């Protein structure tokens, strides 16, 4: 069985800070070193986090195709 990991390329919690390239790249490297077969990002640039119980304030996101290309 091959497993992949969805990268946190968006911010859903203001206390967690904005999504940054450095953070996403570090997590992707750890995933590769840990044996994950793939990493994923979604193309949901605008998410209503309020409906999931998080703050309804707009949060940052790294654009998916640019993020994958850079990785």
N, C-alpha and C. Protein backbone atom coordinates (compact mmCIF):
# COMPACT_ATOMS: atom_id res chain seq x y z
N UNK A 1 0.84 -1.15 0.00
CA UNK A 1 0.00 0.00 0.00
C UNK A 1 0.90 1.23 0.00
N UNK A 2 0.54 2.21 -0.84
CA UNK A 2 1.27 3.48 -0.90
C UNK A 2 0.40 4.57 -0.29
N UNK A 3 1.01 5.38 0.54
CA UNK A 3 0.27 6.45 1.20
C UNK A 3 0.80 7.81 0.78
N UNK A 4 -0.10 8.78 0.74
CA UNK A 4 0.26 10.16 0.44
C UNK A 4 -0.14 11.05 1.61
N UNK A 5 0.29 12.30 1.53
CA UNK A 5 0.02 13.25 2.60
C UNK A 5 -0.51 14.55 2.01
N UNK A 6 -1.61 15.05 2.54
CA UNK A 6 -2.15 16.34 2.13
C UNK A 6 -1.40 17.44 2.89
N UNK A 7 -0.76 18.32 2.16
CA UNK A 7 0.04 19.38 2.78
C UNK A 7 -0.85 20.52 3.28
N UNK A 8 -0.48 21.12 4.40
CA UNK A 8 -1.26 22.25 4.94
C UNK A 8 -0.86 23.56 4.25
N UNK A 9 -1.33 23.76 3.03
CA UNK A 9 -0.94 24.94 2.25
C UNK A 9 -1.93 26.08 2.42
N UNK A 10 -2.77 25.99 3.40
CA UNK A 10 -3.74 27.03 3.71
C UNK A 10 -3.75 27.22 5.22
N UNK A 11 -4.31 28.30 5.68
CA UNK A 11 -4.42 28.57 7.11
C UNK A 11 -5.88 28.49 7.52
N UNK A 12 -6.19 27.63 8.46
CA UNK A 12 -7.56 27.53 8.94
C UNK A 12 -7.70 28.02 10.38
N UNK A 13 -6.57 28.33 11.00
CA UNK A 13 -6.59 28.77 12.39
C UNK A 13 -5.66 29.97 12.55
N UNK A 14 -6.22 31.15 12.84
CA UNK A 14 -5.37 32.34 12.97
C UNK A 14 -4.25 32.17 14.00
N UNK A 15 -4.47 31.38 15.03
CA UNK A 15 -3.45 31.17 16.05
C UNK A 15 -2.27 30.36 15.51
N UNK A 16 -2.51 29.62 14.43
CA UNK A 16 -1.48 28.77 13.83
C UNK A 16 -0.57 29.56 12.90
N UNK A 17 -0.94 30.76 12.55
CA UNK A 17 -0.14 31.57 11.65
C UNK A 17 -0.49 31.30 10.19
N UNK A 18 0.01 32.15 9.33
CA UNK A 18 -0.28 32.03 7.90
C UNK A 18 0.48 30.86 7.30
N UNK A 19 -0.08 30.32 6.25
CA UNK A 19 0.61 29.28 5.49
C UNK A 19 1.83 29.91 4.84
N UNK A 20 2.99 29.30 5.00
CA UNK A 20 4.21 29.83 4.39
C UNK A 20 4.88 28.76 3.54
N UNK A 21 5.63 29.23 2.55
CA UNK A 21 6.36 28.30 1.69
C UNK A 21 7.34 27.47 2.52
N UNK A 22 8.05 28.10 3.44
CA UNK A 22 9.04 27.38 4.25
C UNK A 22 8.40 26.23 5.02
N UNK A 23 7.26 26.48 5.60
CA UNK A 23 6.57 25.44 6.38
C UNK A 23 6.11 24.29 5.48
N UNK A 24 5.50 24.62 4.35
CA UNK A 24 5.01 23.58 3.43
C UNK A 24 6.18 22.77 2.88
N UNK A 25 7.27 23.43 2.49
CA UNK A 25 8.44 22.72 1.96
C UNK A 25 9.05 21.81 3.01
N UNK A 26 9.13 22.28 4.26
CA UNK A 26 9.69 21.45 5.34
C UNK A 26 8.84 20.20 5.56
N UNK A 27 7.53 20.36 5.59
CA UNK A 27 6.64 19.21 5.79
C UNK A 27 6.74 18.25 4.61
N UNK A 28 6.83 18.77 3.39
CA UNK A 28 6.98 17.91 2.21
C UNK A 28 8.28 17.11 2.28
N UNK A 29 9.36 17.73 2.72
CA UNK A 29 10.64 17.03 2.86
C UNK A 29 10.56 15.93 3.91
N UNK A 30 9.93 16.22 5.03
CA UNK A 30 9.76 15.21 6.08
C UNK A 30 8.90 14.06 5.57
N UNK A 31 7.86 14.38 4.80
CA UNK A 31 7.00 13.33 4.24
C UNK A 31 7.80 12.42 3.33
N UNK A 32 8.65 13.01 2.48
CA UNK A 32 9.47 12.20 1.58
C UNK A 32 10.45 11.33 2.36
N UNK A 33 11.11 11.92 3.35
CA UNK A 33 12.05 11.17 4.18
C UNK A 33 11.36 10.06 4.96
N UNK A 34 10.08 10.24 5.26
CA UNK A 34 9.32 9.25 6.03
C UNK A 34 8.73 8.15 5.16
N UNK A 35 8.89 8.26 3.85
CA UNK A 35 8.44 7.20 2.97
C UNK A 35 7.08 7.40 2.32
N UNK A 36 6.48 8.57 2.46
CA UNK A 36 5.21 8.81 1.78
C UNK A 36 5.44 8.79 0.28
N UNK A 37 4.49 8.22 -0.45
CA UNK A 37 4.61 8.08 -1.90
C UNK A 37 4.29 9.37 -2.64
N UNK A 38 3.52 10.25 -2.02
CA UNK A 38 3.10 11.48 -2.70
C UNK A 38 2.70 12.53 -1.68
N UNK A 39 2.65 13.76 -2.14
CA UNK A 39 2.08 14.85 -1.35
C UNK A 39 1.03 15.53 -2.22
N UNK A 40 0.02 16.06 -1.58
CA UNK A 40 -1.10 16.67 -2.30
C UNK A 40 -1.38 18.06 -1.77
N UNK A 41 -1.95 18.87 -2.63
CA UNK A 41 -2.54 20.14 -2.22
C UNK A 41 -3.88 20.27 -2.92
N UNK A 42 -4.77 21.03 -2.35
CA UNK A 42 -6.09 21.21 -2.96
C UNK A 42 -6.14 22.54 -3.69
N UNK A 43 -7.14 22.70 -4.54
CA UNK A 43 -7.27 23.97 -5.26
C UNK A 43 -8.41 24.81 -4.72
N UNK A 44 -8.68 24.66 -3.43
CA UNK A 44 -9.71 25.46 -2.77
C UNK A 44 -9.07 26.75 -2.26
N UNK A 45 -9.08 27.78 -3.08
CA UNK A 45 -8.43 29.03 -2.69
C UNK A 45 -9.26 29.83 -1.70
N UNK A 46 -10.56 29.67 -1.75
CA UNK A 46 -11.45 30.40 -0.86
C UNK A 46 -12.34 29.41 -0.13
N UNK A 47 -12.12 29.25 1.16
CA UNK A 47 -12.87 28.29 1.96
C UNK A 47 -13.58 29.04 3.07
N UNK A 48 -14.83 28.72 3.28
CA UNK A 48 -15.60 29.30 4.38
C UNK A 48 -15.34 28.47 5.63
N UNK A 49 -14.24 28.77 6.33
CA UNK A 49 -13.86 27.98 7.50
C UNK A 49 -14.87 28.11 8.62
N UNK A 50 -15.67 29.17 8.62
CA UNK A 50 -16.67 29.36 9.66
C UNK A 50 -17.66 28.20 9.74
N UNK A 51 -17.97 27.58 8.61
CA UNK A 51 -18.91 26.46 8.64
C UNK A 51 -18.31 25.20 9.25
N UNK A 52 -16.99 25.21 9.47
CA UNK A 52 -16.33 24.08 10.13
C UNK A 52 -15.98 24.38 11.57
N UNK A 53 -16.45 25.54 12.06
CA UNK A 53 -16.21 25.90 13.45
C UNK A 53 -14.99 26.77 13.68
N UNK A 54 -14.23 27.07 12.64
CA UNK A 54 -13.05 27.93 12.78
C UNK A 54 -13.48 29.39 12.62
N UNK A 55 -12.53 30.27 12.74
CA UNK A 55 -12.81 31.69 12.55
C UNK A 55 -13.30 31.94 11.13
N UNK A 56 -14.27 32.82 10.99
CA UNK A 56 -14.80 33.15 9.66
C UNK A 56 -13.94 34.20 8.96
N UNK A 57 -12.90 34.70 9.64
CA UNK A 57 -12.01 35.68 9.02
C UNK A 57 -11.28 35.04 7.84
N UNK A 58 -11.04 35.81 6.77
CA UNK A 58 -10.30 35.27 5.62
C UNK A 58 -8.91 34.80 6.03
N UNK A 59 -8.49 33.69 5.50
CA UNK A 59 -7.18 33.12 5.81
C UNK A 59 -6.35 33.02 4.54
N UNK A 60 -5.04 32.90 4.70
CA UNK A 60 -4.14 32.81 3.56
C UNK A 60 -4.08 31.41 2.97
N UNK A 61 -3.62 31.35 1.73
CA UNK A 61 -3.48 30.08 1.04
C UNK A 61 -2.36 30.20 0.02
N UNK A 62 -1.60 29.14 -0.15
CA UNK A 62 -0.61 29.10 -1.23
C UNK A 62 -1.28 28.46 -2.44
N UNK A 63 -1.15 29.07 -3.60
CA UNK A 63 -1.79 28.58 -4.82
C UNK A 63 -1.24 27.20 -5.15
N UNK A 64 -2.12 26.26 -5.49
CA UNK A 64 -1.75 24.85 -5.58
C UNK A 64 -0.75 24.53 -6.68
N UNK A 65 -0.95 25.01 -7.88
CA UNK A 65 -0.06 24.63 -9.00
C UNK A 65 1.34 25.22 -8.82
N UNK A 66 1.43 26.42 -8.32
CA UNK A 66 2.73 27.02 -8.06
C UNK A 66 3.45 26.27 -6.94
N UNK A 67 2.71 25.91 -5.90
CA UNK A 67 3.29 25.17 -4.78
C UNK A 67 3.83 23.82 -5.24
N UNK A 68 3.05 23.07 -6.01
CA UNK A 68 3.52 21.76 -6.50
C UNK A 68 4.71 21.91 -7.43
N UNK A 69 4.68 22.92 -8.29
CA UNK A 69 5.81 23.14 -9.21
C UNK A 69 7.08 23.45 -8.44
N UNK A 70 6.98 24.24 -7.40
CA UNK A 70 8.15 24.60 -6.61
C UNK A 70 8.70 23.41 -5.84
N UNK A 71 7.83 22.52 -5.40
CA UNK A 71 8.29 21.33 -4.68
C UNK A 71 9.03 20.40 -5.62
